[in-house]
Amino acid sequence: MSNKLKSIEPNEIRRYWNQEASDKLKGRTIVKVEYMSDDLANHLDWYKIPIVMTLDNGWRIYPQQDDEGNDGGALFIEHTGETETHPSFPNEVFLKSSVMPNITPNRQ
C-alpha cells in the first residue's frame, strides 16, 4: 500500500476511491463495447470473458472477479424509469435490469 493510502483515515477510504474513480472516468465517452478477445483472456489466464468498454482516451474498462484479477466478471446494468426488456447473451431476457454474462474463451 502506498504511503498516501496509509495516511488516510479508515472512514475516508471510500471518499478517496470515489474521487479517484471520478477523476479518471467523469466526462469520458465510451467509444466501443465488445466482449474481450480470446487472446487477451488467454493472456490473463481467464476462463470467463467479460464485456470491455473502450473510452475516448484509449483506456479499456472491464469487470473482473475480484481485486486480484483472478478471472473476468459479469457486468450488471440497472436503469430507472420504464421497465424495458433487453436481450442478454445467450438469448435470455431480463426485465428492468440486465446481467451481461461473461463467456468462456476458446482454449487452444
N, C-alpha and C. Protein backbone atom coordinates (compact mmCIF):
# COMPACT_ATOMS: atom_id res chain seq x y z
N MET A 1 0.85 -1.17 0.00
CA MET A 1 0.00 0.00 0.00
C MET A 1 0.89 1.23 0.00
N SER A 2 0.52 2.22 -0.77
CA SER A 2 1.33 3.43 -0.86
C SER A 2 1.27 4.22 0.44
N ASN A 3 2.27 5.07 0.65
CA ASN A 3 2.29 5.92 1.85
C ASN A 3 1.08 6.84 1.90
N LYS A 4 0.63 7.31 0.71
CA LYS A 4 -0.53 8.19 0.64
C LYS A 4 -1.77 7.49 1.22
N LEU A 5 -1.97 6.22 0.84
CA LEU A 5 -3.12 5.48 1.34
C LEU A 5 -2.99 5.17 2.83
N LYS A 6 -1.78 4.93 3.29
CA LYS A 6 -1.57 4.64 4.72
C LYS A 6 -1.96 5.83 5.58
N SER A 7 -1.86 7.04 5.03
CA SER A 7 -2.15 8.23 5.83
C SER A 7 -3.64 8.58 5.85
N ILE A 8 -4.46 7.88 5.06
CA ILE A 8 -5.89 8.17 5.01
C ILE A 8 -6.60 7.45 6.14
N GLU A 9 -7.45 8.17 6.84
CA GLU A 9 -8.24 7.57 7.91
C GLU A 9 -9.16 6.51 7.33
N PRO A 10 -9.38 5.41 8.06
CA PRO A 10 -10.25 4.34 7.54
C PRO A 10 -11.63 4.82 7.10
N ASN A 11 -12.21 5.79 7.78
CA ASN A 11 -13.53 6.28 7.41
C ASN A 11 -13.50 7.18 6.16
N GLU A 12 -12.32 7.48 5.64
CA GLU A 12 -12.18 8.32 4.45
C GLU A 12 -11.80 7.52 3.20
N ILE A 13 -11.59 6.22 3.34
CA ILE A 13 -11.15 5.39 2.21
C ILE A 13 -12.14 5.43 1.06
N ARG A 14 -13.43 5.27 1.35
CA ARG A 14 -14.44 5.26 0.28
C ARG A 14 -14.45 6.60 -0.46
N ARG A 15 -14.38 7.68 0.29
CA ARG A 15 -14.35 9.01 -0.34
C ARG A 15 -13.13 9.15 -1.24
N TYR A 16 -11.97 8.67 -0.78
CA TYR A 16 -10.74 8.73 -1.57
C TYR A 16 -10.92 7.99 -2.89
N TRP A 17 -11.41 6.73 -2.84
CA TRP A 17 -11.56 5.94 -4.06
C TRP A 17 -12.67 6.47 -4.95
N ASN A 18 -13.72 7.03 -4.36
CA ASN A 18 -14.75 7.69 -5.17
C ASN A 18 -14.15 8.82 -5.99
N GLN A 19 -13.30 9.61 -5.36
CA GLN A 19 -12.66 10.73 -6.06
C GLN A 19 -11.70 10.24 -7.14
N GLU A 20 -10.94 9.20 -6.83
CA GLU A 20 -10.03 8.62 -7.82
C GLU A 20 -10.80 8.17 -9.07
N ALA A 21 -11.90 7.43 -8.86
CA ALA A 21 -12.71 6.95 -9.98
C ALA A 21 -13.32 8.11 -10.74
N SER A 22 -13.84 9.09 -10.03
CA SER A 22 -14.45 10.25 -10.66
C SER A 22 -13.44 11.01 -11.51
N ASP A 23 -12.25 11.23 -10.97
CA ASP A 23 -11.20 11.95 -11.71
C ASP A 23 -10.83 11.24 -13.01
N LYS A 24 -10.84 9.91 -12.99
CA LYS A 24 -10.43 9.16 -14.16
C LYS A 24 -11.56 8.95 -15.17
N LEU A 25 -12.81 8.89 -14.71
CA LEU A 25 -13.90 8.47 -15.59
C LEU A 25 -14.92 9.56 -15.94
N LYS A 26 -15.14 10.51 -15.06
CA LYS A 26 -16.18 11.52 -15.29
C LYS A 26 -15.87 12.32 -16.56
N GLY A 27 -16.88 12.44 -17.43
CA GLY A 27 -16.73 13.19 -18.66
C GLY A 27 -16.18 12.38 -19.83
N ARG A 28 -15.72 11.16 -19.58
CA ARG A 28 -15.21 10.30 -20.65
C ARG A 28 -16.37 9.77 -21.47
N THR A 29 -16.09 9.36 -22.68
CA THR A 29 -17.09 8.79 -23.56
C THR A 29 -16.70 7.36 -23.89
N ILE A 30 -17.66 6.45 -23.80
CA ILE A 30 -17.43 5.07 -24.22
C ILE A 30 -17.55 5.05 -25.74
N VAL A 31 -16.47 4.64 -26.41
CA VAL A 31 -16.45 4.65 -27.87
C VAL A 31 -16.59 3.26 -28.48
N LYS A 32 -16.43 2.22 -27.65
CA LYS A 32 -16.54 0.86 -28.17
C LYS A 32 -16.91 -0.07 -27.03
N VAL A 33 -17.78 -1.04 -27.33
CA VAL A 33 -18.17 -2.06 -26.35
C VAL A 33 -18.16 -3.40 -27.06
N GLU A 34 -17.44 -4.37 -26.52
CA GLU A 34 -17.35 -5.70 -27.11
C GLU A 34 -16.89 -6.68 -26.05
N TYR A 35 -17.10 -7.96 -26.31
CA TYR A 35 -16.55 -8.95 -25.40
C TYR A 35 -15.04 -9.02 -25.60
N MET A 36 -14.31 -9.30 -24.54
CA MET A 36 -12.86 -9.41 -24.57
C MET A 36 -12.45 -10.49 -25.57
N SER A 37 -11.34 -10.26 -26.26
CA SER A 37 -10.84 -11.25 -27.22
C SER A 37 -10.36 -12.50 -26.48
N ASP A 38 -10.44 -13.63 -27.17
CA ASP A 38 -9.90 -14.87 -26.60
C ASP A 38 -8.41 -14.72 -26.30
N ASP A 39 -7.69 -14.02 -27.19
CA ASP A 39 -6.25 -13.84 -26.98
C ASP A 39 -5.95 -13.15 -25.66
N LEU A 40 -6.68 -12.04 -25.37
CA LEU A 40 -6.44 -11.33 -24.11
C LEU A 40 -6.87 -12.16 -22.92
N ALA A 41 -8.01 -12.83 -23.02
CA ALA A 41 -8.47 -13.70 -21.91
C ALA A 41 -7.44 -14.79 -21.64
N ASN A 42 -6.91 -15.39 -22.68
CA ASN A 42 -5.88 -16.42 -22.51
C ASN A 42 -4.62 -15.84 -21.89
N HIS A 43 -4.21 -14.65 -22.33
CA HIS A 43 -3.03 -13.98 -21.78
C HIS A 43 -3.20 -13.74 -20.27
N LEU A 44 -4.42 -13.33 -19.88
CA LEU A 44 -4.71 -13.08 -18.47
C LEU A 44 -4.98 -14.37 -17.70
N ASP A 45 -5.04 -15.50 -18.43
CA ASP A 45 -5.38 -16.80 -17.88
C ASP A 45 -6.78 -16.80 -17.26
N TRP A 46 -7.70 -16.13 -17.96
CA TRP A 46 -9.09 -16.06 -17.52
C TRP A 46 -9.92 -17.07 -18.30
N TYR A 47 -10.87 -17.70 -17.61
CA TYR A 47 -11.80 -18.62 -18.25
C TYR A 47 -13.11 -17.94 -18.60
N LYS A 48 -13.41 -16.82 -17.97
CA LYS A 48 -14.65 -16.08 -18.21
C LYS A 48 -14.32 -14.79 -18.97
N ILE A 49 -15.02 -14.55 -20.06
CA ILE A 49 -14.74 -13.38 -20.90
C ILE A 49 -15.77 -12.29 -20.60
N PRO A 50 -15.32 -11.15 -20.07
CA PRO A 50 -16.24 -10.06 -19.76
C PRO A 50 -16.40 -9.07 -20.92
N ILE A 51 -17.34 -8.18 -20.76
CA ILE A 51 -17.52 -7.04 -21.67
C ILE A 51 -16.34 -6.08 -21.47
N VAL A 52 -15.84 -5.50 -22.55
CA VAL A 52 -14.77 -4.50 -22.48
C VAL A 52 -15.33 -3.19 -23.05
N MET A 53 -15.19 -2.11 -22.29
CA MET A 53 -15.60 -0.79 -22.74
C MET A 53 -14.34 0.03 -22.99
N THR A 54 -14.21 0.56 -24.21
CA THR A 54 -13.06 1.40 -24.56
C THR A 54 -13.49 2.85 -24.50
N LEU A 55 -12.70 3.66 -23.79
CA LEU A 55 -13.01 5.08 -23.64
C LEU A 55 -12.34 5.91 -24.72
N ASP A 56 -12.75 7.16 -24.82
CA ASP A 56 -12.22 8.07 -25.84
C ASP A 56 -10.73 8.35 -25.70
N ASN A 57 -10.14 8.06 -24.55
CA ASN A 57 -8.70 8.26 -24.37
C ASN A 57 -7.91 6.97 -24.56
N GLY A 58 -8.61 5.88 -24.99
CA GLY A 58 -7.94 4.61 -25.24
C GLY A 58 -7.95 3.66 -24.06
N TRP A 59 -8.35 4.13 -22.89
CA TRP A 59 -8.41 3.24 -21.73
C TRP A 59 -9.49 2.20 -21.96
N ARG A 60 -9.26 0.99 -21.44
CA ARG A 60 -10.26 -0.07 -21.51
C ARG A 60 -10.69 -0.44 -20.10
N ILE A 61 -11.98 -0.60 -19.94
CA ILE A 61 -12.56 -0.94 -18.63
C ILE A 61 -13.28 -2.26 -18.77
N TYR A 62 -13.01 -3.20 -17.87
CA TYR A 62 -13.75 -4.46 -17.87
C TYR A 62 -13.86 -4.97 -16.45
N PRO A 63 -14.99 -5.63 -16.16
CA PRO A 63 -15.18 -6.17 -14.81
C PRO A 63 -14.31 -7.40 -14.60
N GLN A 64 -13.82 -7.53 -13.39
CA GLN A 64 -13.06 -8.71 -13.03
C GLN A 64 -13.66 -9.32 -11.77
N GLN A 65 -13.34 -10.57 -11.54
CA GLN A 65 -13.93 -11.34 -10.45
C GLN A 65 -13.65 -10.73 -9.08
N ASP A 66 -12.45 -10.21 -8.89
CA ASP A 66 -12.06 -9.68 -7.58
C ASP A 66 -10.93 -8.67 -7.75
N ASP A 67 -10.49 -8.09 -6.65
CA ASP A 67 -9.42 -7.08 -6.69
C ASP A 67 -8.11 -7.61 -7.25
N GLU A 68 -7.89 -8.92 -7.18
CA GLU A 68 -6.65 -9.50 -7.65
C GLU A 68 -6.68 -9.88 -9.13
N GLY A 69 -7.83 -9.73 -9.78
CA GLY A 69 -7.94 -10.04 -11.20
C GLY A 69 -7.87 -11.52 -11.49
N ASN A 70 -8.49 -12.36 -10.65
CA ASN A 70 -8.41 -13.80 -10.82
C ASN A 70 -9.26 -14.36 -11.96
N ASP A 71 -10.19 -13.59 -12.48
CA ASP A 71 -10.99 -14.01 -13.63
C ASP A 71 -11.87 -12.85 -14.07
N GLY A 72 -12.46 -12.98 -15.23
CA GLY A 72 -13.39 -11.97 -15.70
C GLY A 72 -14.65 -11.99 -14.86
N GLY A 73 -15.35 -10.87 -14.86
CA GLY A 73 -16.58 -10.76 -14.08
C GLY A 73 -17.76 -10.37 -14.94
N ALA A 74 -18.94 -10.49 -14.37
CA ALA A 74 -20.17 -10.11 -15.05
C ALA A 74 -20.42 -8.63 -14.85
N LEU A 75 -21.11 -8.02 -15.82
CA LEU A 75 -21.47 -6.61 -15.75
C LEU A 75 -22.95 -6.51 -15.50
N PHE A 76 -23.33 -5.81 -14.45
CA PHE A 76 -24.74 -5.62 -14.11
C PHE A 76 -25.14 -4.23 -14.52
N ILE A 77 -26.22 -4.11 -15.28
CA ILE A 77 -26.70 -2.81 -15.74
C ILE A 77 -28.08 -2.58 -15.16
N GLU A 78 -28.25 -1.47 -14.47
CA GLU A 78 -29.54 -1.13 -13.87
C GLU A 78 -30.01 0.19 -14.44
N HIS A 79 -31.28 0.29 -14.76
CA HIS A 79 -31.81 1.55 -15.24
C HIS A 79 -33.10 1.88 -14.50
N THR A 80 -33.41 3.16 -14.49
CA THR A 80 -34.61 3.63 -13.80
C THR A 80 -35.69 3.98 -14.80
N GLY A 81 -36.90 4.21 -14.31
CA GLY A 81 -37.98 4.62 -15.19
C GLY A 81 -38.75 3.43 -15.70
N GLU A 82 -39.10 3.49 -17.00
CA GLU A 82 -39.90 2.44 -17.63
C GLU A 82 -39.20 1.09 -17.54
N THR A 83 -40.00 0.04 -17.37
CA THR A 83 -39.46 -1.32 -17.42
C THR A 83 -39.26 -1.68 -18.88
N GLU A 84 -38.08 -2.13 -19.22
CA GLU A 84 -37.75 -2.50 -20.59
C GLU A 84 -37.26 -3.93 -20.61
N THR A 85 -37.39 -4.55 -21.74
CA THR A 85 -36.86 -5.89 -21.93
C THR A 85 -35.60 -5.79 -22.78
N HIS A 86 -34.53 -6.41 -22.32
CA HIS A 86 -33.25 -6.36 -23.02
C HIS A 86 -32.76 -7.77 -23.28
N PRO A 87 -32.43 -8.09 -24.53
CA PRO A 87 -31.83 -9.40 -24.78
C PRO A 87 -30.45 -9.43 -24.15
N SER A 88 -30.09 -10.54 -23.60
CA SER A 88 -28.80 -10.69 -22.96
C SER A 88 -28.17 -11.99 -23.44
N PHE A 89 -26.89 -12.01 -23.61
CA PHE A 89 -26.20 -13.20 -24.10
C PHE A 89 -26.30 -14.29 -23.07
N PRO A 90 -26.64 -15.48 -23.32
CA PRO A 90 -27.04 -16.06 -24.60
C PRO A 90 -28.57 -16.13 -24.75
N ASN A 91 -29.14 -15.11 -25.33
CA ASN A 91 -30.55 -15.05 -25.69
C ASN A 91 -31.52 -15.19 -24.52
N GLU A 92 -31.12 -14.76 -23.35
CA GLU A 92 -32.03 -14.74 -22.22
C GLU A 92 -32.58 -13.34 -22.07
N VAL A 93 -33.76 -13.20 -21.52
CA VAL A 93 -34.40 -11.90 -21.37
C VAL A 93 -34.59 -11.60 -19.88
N PHE A 94 -34.23 -10.39 -19.47
CA PHE A 94 -34.40 -9.94 -18.10
C PHE A 94 -35.21 -8.65 -18.12
N LEU A 95 -36.05 -8.44 -17.15
CA LEU A 95 -36.84 -7.22 -17.08
C LEU A 95 -36.18 -6.23 -16.13
N LYS A 96 -36.33 -4.94 -16.41
CA LYS A 96 -35.88 -3.81 -15.58
C LYS A 96 -34.36 -3.67 -15.55
N SER A 97 -33.64 -4.74 -15.37
CA SER A 97 -32.18 -4.68 -15.38
C SER A 97 -31.67 -5.91 -16.10
N SER A 98 -30.51 -5.80 -16.67
CA SER A 98 -29.94 -6.92 -17.42
C SER A 98 -28.60 -7.30 -16.84
N VAL A 99 -28.32 -8.57 -16.83
CA VAL A 99 -27.00 -9.06 -16.45
C VAL A 99 -26.29 -9.43 -17.74
N MET A 100 -25.16 -8.79 -17.99
CA MET A 100 -24.36 -9.11 -19.17
C MET A 100 -23.38 -10.21 -18.73
N PRO A 101 -23.62 -11.45 -19.11
CA PRO A 101 -22.80 -12.55 -18.61
C PRO A 101 -21.40 -12.53 -19.21
N ASN A 102 -20.49 -13.19 -18.51
CA ASN A 102 -19.20 -13.42 -19.12
C ASN A 102 -19.29 -14.75 -19.84
N ILE A 103 -18.44 -14.98 -20.82
CA ILE A 103 -18.48 -16.20 -21.60
C ILE A 103 -17.12 -16.88 -21.53
N THR A 104 -17.06 -18.15 -21.85
CA THR A 104 -15.82 -18.91 -21.76
C THR A 104 -15.03 -18.79 -23.05
N PRO A 105 -13.71 -18.49 -22.97
CA PRO A 105 -12.91 -18.34 -24.19
C PRO A 105 -12.65 -19.68 -24.85
N ASN A 106 -12.35 -19.62 -26.13
CA ASN A 106 -11.91 -20.82 -26.86
C ASN A 106 -10.47 -21.09 -26.46
N ARG A 107 -10.22 -22.23 -25.87
CA ARG A 107 -8.85 -22.59 -25.44
C ARG A 107 -8.18 -23.40 -26.54
N GLN A 108 -6.90 -23.13 -26.75
CA GLN A 108 -6.13 -23.90 -27.72
C GLN A 108 -5.55 -25.13 -27.07
